[in-house]
Amino acid sequence: MAGAVITGYGIIGPKFSSVSQFTEVLMDKKIVLDRFKVKGKSMYMGKVEDEDLTETCKRILPRGGRLPKAVQMVLYAAEEALLMSRFPVSDYRVGVVIGSSGGAISDTIKVSKGSTRSSVFSIGNMNSYSLVSSICAAFQVNGMSFSLANSCTSGLDAVQLGNLLIESNQVDMCIVGGSDSTLDDVIVDGFSRLKILFEGNVDKGPPGPFSTGEGFAISEGAGVLILERRNIAEERGARVRGEVGLSYVSQDGLSPYQSDPGGRMLLKAVDHCLSQGLPSYINSQALGILQQDRLEADIYKERFAVHSIPITSIKGMTGHPMGASGIFQLISAVISLEKQFIPPTIGYNKEYFSDLSVVEDAQPHSIERVLITSQGYGGINSCMMIAKGER
């Protein structure tokens, strides 16, 4: 059975709050990161401005302005996705699957530190399921609903689960996505102790994927896709913007604190997706951690070098929005399928990563399908092939 089709998508991130603005970031090679001070250290991060977000959520849902930022962002993105799709929610069986690495952890930290007073809204706000329940309440969805916490692959895994629900005839349509807001100083300090955040010479600019491996820039944001059965999309005359192809999730099974440096299970996930055919390009997880970027580079050399398949990573522009990172990659892939171009990579170092076909500037290209790779802390790997929607 063919995978679900994508008929709408929405996104919000640092310095962009719509698909059109995100498209400009990709095509114009814009960096949306800024310098911030955290516990005396200067580092690049990507922050979503609160004011417009809160006002929009007050309109979408009663008491929406009280919701945690991660929930507000996913509501914001869901509204744009549903408007693009024009899907009549009340006429079909609709599910919701949202992934997040941190969930509502920032609100939990605020209450525990005493910076926010406990209230009758505190339990609901600290509940990560509010990412899903708020969407259900805002758009009157009464079907299956799941909240995933699969580390940084959460958003991409939410798409896979939504696709499975449609393929197995559990639902007709699924609102899927990822959201994360983890810029609290406690969380940033924790990553800093792992020596994987960029804390070098900030005057050189933000870090980039496939670079010198000085660390990544943490950011925040949310993305949402509307998946539906193809025959339903065709019956209602919806524009099909992409199709979910083969996908695979694997676990290294080594430790909660590390991933397999050999990348055996990531390679297995890649190989599963390749049974659908070679991609037009690879939208890589690479984000600026040397071990991880080298691992992905080795896999690409082994599987794609002879075919000269182009590779890109958007993390130098957007930073790494944790559990929303895979959905950012996926939405950028759908945009490239619609606009027929490959997004650029910022920070690529040819000396460290020779023999890679890394795309450094937005490049017009014939795009039929895109391979997306994602990895998460604790050894989880996720890959997905996305194809053009038209047949």
Protein backbone atom coordinates (compact mmCIF):
# COMPACT_ATOMS: atom_id res chain seq x y z
CA MET A 1 0.00 0.00 0.00
CA ALA A 2 1.25 3.49 -0.87
CA GLY A 3 2.13 5.85 1.93
CA ALA A 4 0.01 8.76 3.07
CA VAL A 5 0.17 11.99 1.11
CA ILE A 6 1.01 15.43 2.49
CA THR A 7 -1.57 18.11 1.76
CA GLY A 8 -0.53 20.83 4.18
CA TYR A 9 2.27 21.94 6.45
CA GLY A 10 3.09 24.74 8.85
CA ILE A 11 6.19 25.86 10.69
CA ILE A 12 7.52 28.38 13.18
CA GLY A 13 11.12 28.88 14.24
CA PRO A 14 13.70 31.56 15.03
CA LYS A 15 12.95 34.65 12.91
CA PHE A 16 10.40 32.87 10.72
CA SER A 17 6.73 32.21 11.44
CA SER A 18 5.33 30.81 8.19
CA VAL A 19 6.17 28.44 5.37
CA SER A 20 6.90 31.38 3.04
CA GLN A 21 9.39 32.89 5.51
CA PHE A 22 11.04 29.50 6.06
CA THR A 23 11.33 29.11 2.28
CA GLU A 24 13.17 32.44 2.14
CA VAL A 25 15.58 31.21 4.83
CA LEU A 26 16.35 28.13 2.74
CA MET A 27 16.62 29.82 -0.63
CA ASP A 28 18.50 32.92 0.55
CA LYS A 29 20.85 31.07 2.94
CA LYS A 30 19.77 33.10 5.97
CA ILE A 31 21.15 32.42 9.44
CA VAL A 32 18.41 32.80 12.06
CA LEU A 33 20.65 32.37 15.10
CA ASP A 34 21.77 35.05 17.58
CA ARG A 35 24.35 35.29 20.35
CA PHE A 36 23.11 34.83 23.91
CA LYS A 37 24.79 34.78 27.33
CA VAL A 38 24.12 31.66 29.40
CA LYS A 39 25.83 31.43 32.79
CA GLY A 40 28.58 33.74 31.60
CA LYS A 41 29.18 31.87 28.33
CA SER A 42 28.45 33.43 24.95
CA MET A 43 26.89 31.06 22.45
CA TYR A 44 24.65 30.99 19.40
CA MET A 45 21.03 29.92 19.83
CA GLY A 46 17.79 30.19 17.89
CA LYS A 47 14.92 31.76 19.83
CA VAL A 48 11.28 32.24 18.80
CA GLU A 49 9.84 35.59 19.87
CA ASP A 50 7.03 35.17 22.42
CA GLU A 51 4.71 38.14 21.94
CA ASP A 52 3.09 37.43 18.55
CA LEU A 53 2.99 33.71 19.32
CA THR A 54 1.03 34.21 22.55
CA GLU A 55 -1.51 36.55 20.97
CA THR A 56 -2.15 34.09 18.14
CA CYS A 57 -2.68 31.21 20.56
CA LYS A 58 -5.18 33.26 22.56
CA ARG A 59 -7.21 33.48 19.35
CA ILE A 60 -6.84 29.79 18.44
CA LEU A 61 -7.78 28.38 21.85
CA PRO A 62 -9.35 29.82 25.04
CA ARG A 63 -6.59 30.32 27.64
CA GLY A 64 -4.07 29.59 24.88
CA GLY A 65 -1.88 32.37 26.20
CA ARG A 66 -1.29 30.36 29.39
CA LEU A 67 0.06 27.31 27.57
CA PRO A 68 3.78 26.36 27.56
CA LYS A 69 5.79 27.76 24.69
CA ALA A 70 6.27 24.35 23.04
CA VAL A 71 2.48 23.92 22.99
CA GLN A 72 1.87 27.42 21.66
CA MET A 73 4.33 26.84 18.83
CA VAL A 74 2.76 23.55 17.73
CA LEU A 75 -0.72 25.13 17.81
CA TYR A 76 0.60 27.98 15.66
CA ALA A 77 2.12 25.56 13.12
CA ALA A 78 -0.98 23.31 13.13
CA GLU A 79 -3.25 26.21 12.19
CA GLU A 80 -1.10 27.07 9.17
CA ALA A 81 -0.96 23.41 8.10
CA LEU A 82 -4.74 22.94 8.35
CA LEU A 83 -5.42 26.17 6.46
CA MET A 84 -3.08 25.05 3.67
CA SER A 85 -4.67 21.61 3.51
CA ARG A 86 -8.28 22.84 3.78
CA PHE A 87 -9.14 19.51 5.34
CA PRO A 88 -12.72 19.17 6.68
CA VAL A 89 -11.75 17.67 10.05
CA SER A 90 -15.31 16.95 11.16
CA ASP A 91 -16.03 14.73 8.14
CA TYR A 92 -13.33 12.08 8.71
CA ARG A 93 -11.56 9.95 11.29
CA VAL A 94 -8.69 12.17 12.41
CA GLY A 95 -5.67 11.34 14.57
CA VAL A 96 -2.97 13.50 16.15
CA VAL A 97 0.66 12.50 16.79
CA ILE A 98 3.16 15.05 18.13
CA GLY A 99 6.77 14.36 19.04
CA SER A 100 8.99 16.30 21.44
CA SER A 101 12.31 15.65 23.13
CA GLY A 102 11.74 18.07 26.02
CA GLY A 103 7.95 18.25 26.06
CA ALA A 104 6.88 20.83 28.62
CA ILE A 105 10.12 20.54 30.61
CA SER A 106 10.83 24.28 30.58
CA ASP A 107 7.58 25.01 32.43
CA THR A 108 8.37 22.24 34.90
CA ILE A 109 11.78 23.81 35.58
CA LYS A 110 10.24 27.26 36.07
CA VAL A 111 7.81 25.95 38.70
CA SER A 112 10.49 23.90 40.48
CA LYS A 113 12.85 26.90 40.62
CA GLY A 114 10.08 29.14 41.89
CA SER A 115 10.37 31.57 38.97
CA THR A 116 6.74 30.77 38.12
CA ARG A 117 4.10 30.38 40.83
CA SER A 118 2.11 27.16 40.89
CA SER A 119 -1.51 27.62 39.76
CA VAL A 120 -4.54 25.59 38.70
CA PHE A 121 -2.97 25.51 35.22
CA SER A 122 0.40 24.12 36.36
CA ILE A 123 -0.39 20.39 36.13
CA GLY A 124 -1.85 20.75 32.65
CA ASN A 125 1.08 22.88 31.52
CA MET A 126 3.68 20.46 32.86
CA ASN A 127 1.96 17.54 31.13
CA SER A 128 3.70 16.80 27.83
CA TYR A 129 0.44 15.41 26.47
CA SER A 130 -0.76 19.03 26.33
CA LEU A 131 1.11 19.20 22.99
CA VAL A 132 -1.57 16.85 21.65
CA SER A 133 -4.61 17.69 23.78
CA SER A 134 -4.36 21.37 22.88
CA ILE A 135 -4.51 20.57 19.16
CA CYS A 136 -7.49 18.28 19.76
CA ALA A 137 -9.28 21.02 21.71
CA ALA A 138 -8.44 23.81 19.27
CA PHE A 139 -9.56 21.97 16.14
CA GLN A 140 -12.23 19.62 17.59
CA VAL A 141 -10.37 16.37 16.96
CA ASN A 142 -11.77 13.33 18.79
CA GLY A 143 -9.83 10.41 17.30
CA MET A 144 -6.59 8.62 18.18
CA SER A 145 -3.91 10.78 19.77
CA PHE A 146 -0.32 10.10 20.80
CA SER A 147 2.52 12.09 22.34
CA LEU A 148 6.01 10.78 21.51
CA ALA A 149 9.22 11.40 23.45
CA ASN A 150 11.86 9.82 21.18
CA SER A 151 14.70 12.26 21.77
CA CYS A 152 15.70 14.32 18.71
CA THR A 153 14.00 11.95 16.24
CA SER A 154 10.58 12.58 17.85
CA GLY A 155 9.13 14.79 15.11
CA LEU A 156 10.16 12.47 12.28
CA ASP A 157 8.93 9.44 14.24
CA ALA A 158 5.55 11.14 14.71
CA VAL A 159 5.22 11.26 10.92
CA GLN A 160 6.05 7.56 10.68
CA LEU A 161 3.44 6.65 13.31
CA GLY A 162 0.81 8.84 11.64
CA ASN A 163 1.57 7.16 8.32
CA LEU A 164 1.18 3.72 9.92
CA LEU A 165 -2.20 4.70 11.38
CA ILE A 166 -3.40 5.69 7.91
CA GLU A 167 -1.94 2.61 6.20
CA SER A 168 -3.58 0.31 8.76
CA ASN A 169 -6.95 2.07 8.28
CA GLN A 170 -7.09 3.33 11.86
CA VAL A 171 -7.61 6.92 10.71
CA ASP A 172 -8.28 8.74 7.43
CA MET A 173 -6.13 11.76 8.21
CA CYS A 174 -3.47 12.58 10.79
CA ILE A 175 -2.07 15.82 12.17
CA VAL A 176 1.59 15.03 12.83
CA GLY A 177 4.56 17.09 13.93
CA GLY A 178 7.20 18.02 16.43
CA SER A 179 7.81 20.87 18.85
CA ASP A 180 10.52 21.75 21.34
CA SER A 181 11.47 24.69 23.54
CA THR A 182 14.48 23.79 25.65
CA LEU A 183 16.44 27.04 25.94
CA ASP A 184 16.23 27.12 29.75
CA ASP A 185 19.65 27.74 31.31
CA VAL A 186 19.47 24.41 33.24
CA ILE A 187 19.08 22.46 29.98
CA VAL A 188 21.66 24.51 28.08
CA ASP A 189 24.14 24.07 30.95
CA GLY A 190 23.55 20.30 30.85
CA PHE A 191 24.38 20.13 27.15
CA SER A 192 27.37 22.38 27.75
CA ARG A 193 28.78 19.84 30.23
CA LEU A 194 28.58 17.19 27.49
CA LYS A 195 30.97 19.37 25.42
CA ILE A 196 28.65 19.30 22.39
CA LEU A 197 27.43 22.92 22.33
CA PHE A 198 29.36 25.51 20.35
CA GLU A 199 31.21 27.70 22.83
CA GLY A 200 34.19 28.75 20.74
CA ASN A 201 35.00 32.07 19.15
CA VAL A 202 31.55 33.52 18.55
CA ASP A 203 33.04 36.19 16.28
CA LYS A 204 33.64 33.46 13.69
CA GLY A 205 29.89 33.07 13.35
CA PRO A 206 27.61 30.19 14.31
CA PRO A 207 28.74 26.58 13.89
CA GLY A 208 27.86 24.55 10.85
CA PRO A 209 27.35 20.90 9.90
CA PHE A 210 30.23 19.03 8.26
CA SER A 211 32.58 21.64 9.71
CA THR A 212 35.32 21.42 12.34
CA GLY A 213 32.97 19.80 14.84
CA GLU A 214 33.05 22.47 17.55
CA GLY A 215 29.46 21.75 18.58
CA PHE A 216 25.93 22.65 17.60
CA ALA A 217 23.68 25.65 18.14
CA ILE A 218 20.55 24.77 20.11
CA SER A 219 17.27 26.31 18.93
CA GLU A 220 13.51 25.93 19.22
CA GLY A 221 10.45 25.71 17.02
CA ALA A 222 7.61 23.54 15.76
CA GLY A 223 6.43 22.01 12.52
CA VAL A 224 3.20 20.21 11.58
CA LEU A 225 2.14 18.16 8.55
CA ILE A 226 -1.30 17.06 7.39
CA LEU A 227 -1.25 13.44 6.22
CA GLU A 228 -4.20 11.78 4.53
CA ARG A 229 -5.12 8.83 2.39
CA ARG A 230 -4.45 9.59 -1.28
CA ASN A 231 -7.92 8.62 -2.48
CA ILE A 232 -9.48 11.07 0.01
CA ALA A 233 -7.16 13.86 -1.11
CA GLU A 234 -8.05 13.18 -4.75
CA GLU A 235 -11.79 12.98 -4.04
CA ARG A 236 -11.82 16.38 -2.36
CA GLY A 237 -9.53 17.96 -4.94
CA ALA A 238 -6.67 18.68 -2.52
CA ARG A 239 -3.24 19.60 -3.77
CA VAL A 240 -0.84 16.75 -2.99
CA ARG A 241 2.48 18.26 -1.95
CA GLY A 242 4.42 15.09 -1.20
CA GLU A 243 4.12 11.42 -0.36
CA VAL A 244 5.54 9.55 2.64
CA GLY A 245 7.76 6.75 1.39
CA LEU A 246 9.64 4.05 3.24
CA SER A 247 10.76 4.83 6.80
CA TYR A 248 12.62 3.01 9.55
CA VAL A 249 13.43 3.53 13.23
CA SER A 250 16.26 1.64 14.93
CA GLN A 251 17.92 1.58 18.36
CA ASP A 252 21.67 1.15 18.95
CA GLY A 253 20.94 -0.69 22.22
CA LEU A 254 24.17 0.47 23.90
CA SER A 255 23.42 3.09 26.52
CA PRO A 256 21.01 5.88 27.53
CA TYR A 257 24.04 8.19 27.44
CA GLN A 258 25.62 7.50 24.05
CA SER A 259 25.15 6.37 20.47
CA ASP A 260 27.01 3.74 18.51
CA PRO A 261 30.10 5.45 17.04
CA GLY A 262 30.08 2.88 14.24
CA GLY A 263 26.58 3.82 13.08
CA ARG A 264 25.54 0.22 12.28
CA MET A 265 21.87 0.75 13.06
CA LEU A 266 21.69 4.10 11.28
CA LEU A 267 23.08 2.36 8.19
CA LYS A 268 20.39 -0.31 8.55
CA ALA A 269 17.72 2.39 8.60
CA VAL A 270 19.23 4.05 5.52
CA ASP A 271 19.40 0.75 3.64
CA HIS A 272 15.76 -0.01 4.37
CA CYS A 273 14.69 3.30 2.79
CA LEU A 274 16.99 2.77 -0.21
CA SER A 275 14.96 -0.26 -1.29
CA GLN A 276 12.58 2.37 -2.68
CA GLY A 277 15.37 3.71 -4.91
CA LEU A 278 18.10 6.31 -4.72
CA PRO A 279 17.19 9.80 -3.49
CA SER A 280 17.70 12.96 -5.51
CA TYR A 281 19.57 14.32 -2.49
CA ILE A 282 20.06 13.62 1.23
CA ASN A 283 18.70 15.98 3.89
CA SER A 284 21.14 15.10 6.66
CA GLN A 285 20.90 15.27 10.44
CA ALA A 286 24.48 16.60 10.54
CA LEU A 287 24.62 19.51 12.98
CA GLY A 288 28.23 20.18 13.98
CA ILE A 289 29.20 17.36 16.39
CA LEU A 290 32.33 15.86 14.86
CA GLN A 291 31.67 12.21 15.76
CA GLN A 292 28.11 12.30 14.47
CA ASP A 293 28.94 14.22 11.31
CA ARG A 294 31.81 11.84 10.50
CA LEU A 295 29.53 8.86 11.10
CA GLU A 296 26.99 10.18 8.60
CA ALA A 297 29.74 11.13 6.16
CA ASP A 298 31.12 7.57 6.25
CA ILE A 299 27.67 6.15 5.52
CA TYR A 300 27.16 8.55 2.63
CA LYS A 301 30.55 7.71 1.14
CA GLU A 302 29.82 3.99 1.42
CA ARG A 303 26.34 4.15 -0.12
CA PHE A 304 26.23 7.21 -2.36
CA ALA A 305 29.70 8.37 -3.44
CA VAL A 306 29.66 6.34 -6.67
CA HIS A 307 26.32 7.95 -7.56
CA SER A 308 27.40 11.51 -6.64
CA ILE A 309 24.22 12.05 -4.63
CA PRO A 310 24.17 15.63 -3.23
CA ILE A 311 24.05 16.10 0.54
CA THR A 312 22.81 19.04 2.59
CA SER A 313 22.03 19.99 6.19
CA ILE A 314 19.94 22.99 7.19
CA LYS A 315 21.30 23.12 10.78
CA GLY A 316 23.82 25.89 10.04
CA MET A 317 20.89 28.18 9.25
CA THR A 318 18.24 27.09 11.78
CA GLY A 319 20.25 25.52 14.59
CA HIS A 320 19.09 22.26 16.13
CA PRO A 321 15.51 22.44 17.50
CA MET A 322 15.81 19.09 19.29
CA GLY A 323 12.62 17.00 18.86
CA ALA A 324 11.43 19.36 16.10
CA SER A 325 14.63 18.93 14.08
CA GLY A 326 13.38 16.01 11.97
CA ILE A 327 10.16 17.81 11.11
CA PHE A 328 12.17 20.90 10.11
CA GLN A 329 14.20 18.68 7.78
CA LEU A 330 11.06 17.05 6.41
CA ILE A 331 9.30 20.35 5.73
CA SER A 332 12.43 21.71 4.04
CA ALA A 333 12.43 18.55 1.89
CA VAL A 334 8.77 19.03 0.90
CA ILE A 335 9.49 22.66 0.00
CA SER A 336 12.41 21.54 -2.16
CA LEU A 337 10.16 18.98 -3.89
CA GLU A 338 7.66 21.73 -4.67
CA LYS A 339 10.23 24.36 -5.64
CA GLN A 340 12.75 21.95 -7.24
CA PHE A 341 15.92 23.07 -5.46
CA ILE A 342 18.36 21.73 -2.85
CA PRO A 343 18.74 23.84 0.33
CA PRO A 344 22.27 25.00 1.20
CA THR A 345 24.72 23.92 3.91
CA ILE A 346 26.51 26.58 5.95
CA GLY A 347 29.95 25.90 7.45
CA TYR A 348 31.07 22.97 5.29
CA ASN A 349 34.79 22.24 5.71
CA LYS A 350 36.30 20.51 2.68
CA GLU A 351 39.48 19.62 4.59
CA TYR A 352 37.65 17.70 7.33
CA PHE A 353 35.06 16.17 5.02
CA SER A 354 36.63 15.46 1.67
CA ASP A 355 34.86 13.47 -1.06
CA LEU A 356 31.39 14.59 0.04
CA SER A 357 29.03 16.22 -2.47
CA VAL A 358 27.86 18.88 0.00
CA VAL A 359 25.63 21.60 -1.44
CA GLU A 360 26.90 24.98 -0.21
CA ASP A 361 24.41 27.29 -1.95
CA ALA A 362 20.74 26.83 -2.85
CA GLN A 363 20.90 24.82 -6.05
CA PRO A 364 18.18 24.33 -8.69
CA HIS A 365 17.82 20.60 -9.16
CA SER A 366 15.35 18.02 -10.42
CA ILE A 367 13.96 16.48 -7.22
CA GLU A 368 11.96 13.24 -7.25
CA ARG A 369 12.59 11.98 -3.72
CA VAL A 370 14.56 13.03 -0.64
CA LEU A 371 16.17 10.85 2.05
CA ILE A 372 15.97 12.33 5.55
CA THR A 373 18.24 11.08 8.34
CA SER A 374 17.87 11.79 12.05
CA GLN A 375 19.59 10.63 15.24
CA GLY A 376 18.85 11.17 18.91
CA TYR A 377 20.58 11.08 22.27
CA GLY A 378 20.38 7.57 23.68
CA GLY A 379 21.02 5.75 20.41
CA ILE A 380 17.83 6.20 18.36
CA ASN A 381 18.03 6.47 14.56
CA SER A 382 15.28 7.44 12.14
CA CYS A 383 15.21 7.65 8.34
CA MET A 384 12.45 8.46 5.88
CA MET A 385 12.06 8.83 2.13
CA ILE A 386 9.76 11.60 0.90
CA ALA A 387 8.63 11.62 -2.74
CA LYS A 388 6.89 14.05 -5.07
CA GLY A 389 3.15 14.04 -4.64
CA GLU A 390 2.19 14.04 -8.31
CA ARG A 391 1.91 10.76 -10.21
